[in-house]
Amino acid sequence: MSDENKLKLKYDEVSKNKEEGGDSDDDNGITMHSPNALVRNICFIQKDGRRFFLNYYYLISVEFLPEENMIILTFTTHTATLKGHLLETLYEALENHGPKRIREQNERYLAKNEGSQPVVAEISIEVKT
């Protein structure tokens, strides 16, 4: 089974658990909305504990830059930039407004990850002027 299929199965498993009432962080710091969630926000959690959420309703576009290991989310009022590793699966989950929380991970988790799941190592949020 390819790594991509393993990741899809992992996210499907997380979504199924959430549908059944669970709501815990995945190993890589990404929590998914249950499929029947009425309100869809995305909360960005930084290493220092700061949290910031935005509603998917105000999401205008999401750009994935694989060569830079970066995802750029453009909202009406803010721009969120995610940097990390193996972010394509996270990008695909964002297409469906799936992620509920994205937690910034320390670089040491990359070794633990062994190249199987997306890891967000840096989150920056800027107010649009």
C-alpha atoms as a PDB file:
ATOM      1  CA  MET A   1       0.000   0.000   0.000  1.00  0.00           C
ATOM      2  CA  SER A   2       1.394   3.403  -0.925  1.00  0.00           C
ATOM      3  CA  ASP A   3       2.115   6.070   1.692  1.00  0.00           C
ATOM      4  CA  GLU A   4      -0.632   8.235   0.191  1.00  0.00           C
ATOM      5  CA  ASN A   5      -3.223   5.474   0.662  1.00  0.00           C
ATOM      6  CA  LYS A   6      -2.040   4.910   4.240  1.00  0.00           C
ATOM      7  CA  LEU A   7      -2.526   8.625   4.953  1.00  0.00           C
ATOM      8  CA  LYS A   8      -6.010   8.571   3.458  1.00  0.00           C
ATOM      9  CA  LEU A   9      -6.911   5.574   5.586  1.00  0.00           C
ATOM     10  CA  LYS A  10      -5.562   7.337   8.678  1.00  0.00           C
ATOM     11  CA  TYR A  11      -7.680  10.455   7.995  1.00  0.00           C
ATOM     12  CA  ASP A  12     -10.729   8.298   7.244  1.00  0.00           C
ATOM     13  CA  GLU A  13     -10.153   6.536  10.557  1.00  0.00           C
ATOM     14  CA  VAL A  14      -9.870   9.852  12.406  1.00  0.00           C
ATOM     15  CA  SER A  15     -13.056  11.126  10.725  1.00  0.00           C
ATOM     16  CA  LYS A  16     -14.915   7.938  11.667  1.00  0.00           C
ATOM     17  CA  ASN A  17     -13.817   8.256  15.301  1.00  0.00           C
ATOM     18  CA  LYS A  18     -14.989  11.867  15.371  1.00  0.00           C
ATOM     19  CA  GLU A  19     -18.350  10.884  13.894  1.00  0.00           C
ATOM     20  CA  GLU A  20     -18.761   8.449  16.752  1.00  0.00           C
ATOM     21  CA  GLY A  21     -18.150  11.241  19.259  1.00  0.00           C
ATOM     22  CA  GLY A  22     -14.363  11.272  19.578  1.00  0.00           C
ATOM     23  CA  ASP A  23     -12.417  14.494  19.257  1.00  0.00           C
ATOM     24  CA  SER A  24      -8.767  13.871  20.034  1.00  0.00           C
ATOM     25  CA  ASP A  25      -5.669  15.109  18.276  1.00  0.00           C
ATOM     26  CA  ASP A  26      -4.111  12.784  15.762  1.00  0.00           C
ATOM     27  CA  ASP A  27      -0.448  11.848  16.292  1.00  0.00           C
ATOM     28  CA  ASN A  28       0.607  14.699  14.030  1.00  0.00           C
ATOM     29  CA  GLY A  29      -1.399  17.451  15.763  1.00  0.00           C
ATOM     30  CA  ILE A  30      -4.266  17.615  13.267  1.00  0.00           C
ATOM     31  CA  THR A  31      -7.845  17.158  14.474  1.00  0.00           C
ATOM     32  CA  MET A  32     -10.621  16.677  11.927  1.00  0.00           C
ATOM     33  CA  HIS A  33     -14.239  17.882  12.060  1.00  0.00           C
ATOM     34  CA  SER A  34     -16.920  15.232  12.258  1.00  0.00           C
ATOM     35  CA  PRO A  35     -18.685  14.937   8.879  1.00  0.00           C
ATOM     36  CA  ASN A  36     -21.941  16.264  10.352  1.00  0.00           C
ATOM     37  CA  ALA A  37     -20.439  19.351  12.060  1.00  0.00           C
ATOM     38  CA  LEU A  38     -22.691  22.364  11.534  1.00  0.00           C
ATOM     39  CA  VAL A  39     -20.120  25.057  12.313  1.00  0.00           C
ATOM     40  CA  ARG A  40     -16.715  24.687  10.696  1.00  0.00           C
ATOM     41  CA  ASN A  41     -13.874  26.685  12.172  1.00  0.00           C
ATOM     42  CA  ILE A  42     -10.188  25.996  11.868  1.00  0.00           C
ATOM     43  CA  CYS A  43      -8.062  26.617  14.951  1.00  0.00           C
ATOM     44  CA  PHE A  44      -4.334  27.172  14.583  1.00  0.00           C
ATOM     45  CA  ILE A  45      -2.356  26.262  17.706  1.00  0.00           C
ATOM     46  CA  GLN A  46       1.203  27.521  18.004  1.00  0.00           C
ATOM     47  CA  LYS A  47       4.017  25.965  20.053  1.00  0.00           C
ATOM     48  CA  ASP A  48       3.775  28.678  22.714  1.00  0.00           C
ATOM     49  CA  GLY A  49       0.094  27.818  23.299  1.00  0.00           C
ATOM     50  CA  ARG A  50      -1.383  30.745  21.372  1.00  0.00           C
ATOM     51  CA  ARG A  51      -4.559  29.808  19.512  1.00  0.00           C
ATOM     52  CA  PHE A  52      -6.364  31.561  16.701  1.00  0.00           C
ATOM     53  CA  PHE A  53      -9.416  30.357  14.817  1.00  0.00           C
ATOM     54  CA  LEU A  54     -11.082  31.427  11.618  1.00  0.00           C
ATOM     55  CA  ASN A  55     -14.326  30.252  10.061  1.00  0.00           C
ATOM     56  CA  TYR A  56     -14.125  28.305   6.807  1.00  0.00           C
ATOM     57  CA  TYR A  57     -16.921  30.546   5.512  1.00  0.00           C
ATOM     58  CA  TYR A  58     -14.306  33.291   5.062  1.00  0.00           C
ATOM     59  CA  LEU A  59     -11.727  31.081   3.353  1.00  0.00           C
ATOM     60  CA  ILE A  60     -11.100  32.399  -0.146  1.00  0.00           C
ATOM     61  CA  SER A  61      -8.315  30.139  -1.401  1.00  0.00           C
ATOM     62  CA  VAL A  62      -5.726  27.570  -0.380  1.00  0.00           C
ATOM     63  CA  GLU A  63      -2.428  27.195  -2.239  1.00  0.00           C
ATOM     64  CA  PHE A  64      -0.091  24.234  -1.869  1.00  0.00           C
ATOM     65  CA  LEU A  65       3.576  24.820  -2.731  1.00  0.00           C
ATOM     66  CA  PRO A  66       5.188  21.357  -2.619  1.00  0.00           C
ATOM     67  CA  GLU A  67       8.706  22.544  -3.455  1.00  0.00           C
ATOM     68  CA  GLU A  68       8.584  24.869  -0.437  1.00  0.00           C
ATOM     69  CA  ASN A  69       6.645  22.475   1.846  1.00  0.00           C
ATOM     70  CA  MET A  70       4.095  25.234   2.385  1.00  0.00           C
ATOM     71  CA  ILE A  71       0.333  25.815   2.385  1.00  0.00           C
ATOM     72  CA  ILE A  72      -1.068  29.350   2.175  1.00  0.00           C
ATOM     73  CA  LEU A  73      -4.662  29.878   3.324  1.00  0.00           C
ATOM     74  CA  THR A  74      -6.198  33.186   2.287  1.00  0.00           C
ATOM     75  CA  PHE A  75      -9.192  34.343   4.319  1.00  0.00           C
ATOM     76  CA  THR A  76     -11.039  37.643   3.870  1.00  0.00           C
ATOM     77  CA  THR A  77      -9.255  39.204   6.861  1.00  0.00           C
ATOM     78  CA  HIS A  78      -6.136  37.069   7.437  1.00  0.00           C
ATOM     79  CA  THR A  79      -3.520  34.973   5.687  1.00  0.00           C
ATOM     80  CA  ALA A  80      -2.302  31.804   7.395  1.00  0.00           C
ATOM     81  CA  THR A  81       0.917  30.140   6.257  1.00  0.00           C
ATOM     82  CA  LEU A  82       1.746  26.569   7.226  1.00  0.00           C
ATOM     83  CA  LYS A  83       5.222  25.132   6.749  1.00  0.00           C
ATOM     84  CA  GLY A  84       6.158  21.531   7.361  1.00  0.00           C
ATOM     85  CA  HIS A  85       6.528  18.163   5.711  1.00  0.00           C
ATOM     86  CA  LEU A  86       4.246  15.924   3.626  1.00  0.00           C
ATOM     87  CA  LEU A  87       1.561  18.611   3.474  1.00  0.00           C
ATOM     88  CA  GLU A  88      -0.260  17.349   0.370  1.00  0.00           C
ATOM     89  CA  THR A  89      -2.691  15.210   2.382  1.00  0.00           C
ATOM     90  CA  LEU A  90      -3.423  18.158   4.673  1.00  0.00           C
ATOM     91  CA  TYR A  91      -4.071  20.309   1.596  1.00  0.00           C
ATOM     92  CA  GLU A  92      -6.553  17.727   0.328  1.00  0.00           C
ATOM     93  CA  ALA A  93      -8.305  17.673   3.712  1.00  0.00           C
ATOM     94  CA  LEU A  94      -8.532  21.478   3.589  1.00  0.00           C
ATOM     95  CA  GLU A  95     -10.347  21.210   0.247  1.00  0.00           C
ATOM     96  CA  ASN A  96     -13.228  19.599   2.154  1.00  0.00           C
ATOM     97  CA  HIS A  97     -12.993  21.906   5.195  1.00  0.00           C
ATOM     98  CA  GLY A  98     -11.973  18.889   7.256  1.00  0.00           C
ATOM     99  CA  PRO A  99      -9.296  20.071   9.703  1.00  0.00           C
ATOM    100  CA  LYS A 100     -10.694  21.478  12.938  1.00  0.00           C
ATOM    101  CA  ARG A 101      -7.352  22.082  14.673  1.00  0.00           C
ATOM    102  CA  ILE A 102      -3.837  22.278  13.323  1.00  0.00           C
ATOM    103  CA  ARG A 103      -1.142  22.210  15.979  1.00  0.00           C
ATOM    104  CA  GLU A 104       2.409  23.385  15.335  1.00  0.00           C
ATOM    105  CA  GLN A 105       4.787  20.493  16.050  1.00  0.00           C
ATOM    106  CA  ASN A 106       8.397  20.570  17.193  1.00  0.00           C
ATOM    107  CA  GLU A 107      10.938  19.464  14.618  1.00  0.00           C
ATOM    108  CA  ARG A 108      11.772  16.436  16.785  1.00  0.00           C
ATOM    109  CA  TYR A 109       8.429  14.906  15.768  1.00  0.00           C
ATOM    110  CA  LEU A 110       9.707  14.614  12.216  1.00  0.00           C
ATOM    111  CA  ALA A 111      11.981  11.732  13.228  1.00  0.00           C
ATOM    112  CA  LYS A 112       9.099  10.024  15.051  1.00  0.00           C
ATOM    113  CA  ASN A 113       6.845  10.593  12.042  1.00  0.00           C
ATOM    114  CA  GLU A 114       9.071   8.515   9.728  1.00  0.00           C
ATOM    115  CA  GLY A 115       7.600  10.164   6.643  1.00  0.00           C
ATOM    116  CA  SER A 116       4.079   8.816   6.983  1.00  0.00           C
ATOM    117  CA  GLN A 117       1.926  11.794   8.028  1.00  0.00           C
ATOM    118  CA  PRO A 118       1.827  15.533   7.410  1.00  0.00           C
ATOM    119  CA  VAL A 119       3.578  17.581  10.089  1.00  0.00           C
ATOM    120  CA  VAL A 120       3.134  21.337  10.494  1.00  0.00           C
ATOM    121  CA  ALA A 121       6.340  22.753  11.959  1.00  0.00           C
ATOM    122  CA  GLU A 122       5.503  26.452  11.621  1.00  0.00           C
ATOM    123  CA  ILE A 123       2.281  28.482  11.587  1.00  0.00           C
ATOM    124  CA  SER A 124       2.191  32.205  10.882  1.00  0.00           C
ATOM    125  CA  ILE A 125      -0.972  34.318  10.720  1.00  0.00           C
ATOM    126  CA  GLU A 126      -1.046  37.842   9.356  1.00  0.00           C
ATOM    127  CA  VAL A 127      -3.833  40.367   9.294  1.00  0.00           C
ATOM    128  CA  LYS A 128      -4.599  41.577   5.778  1.00  0.00           C
ATOM    129  CA  THR A 129      -4.523  45.338   5.355  1.00  0.00           C
END
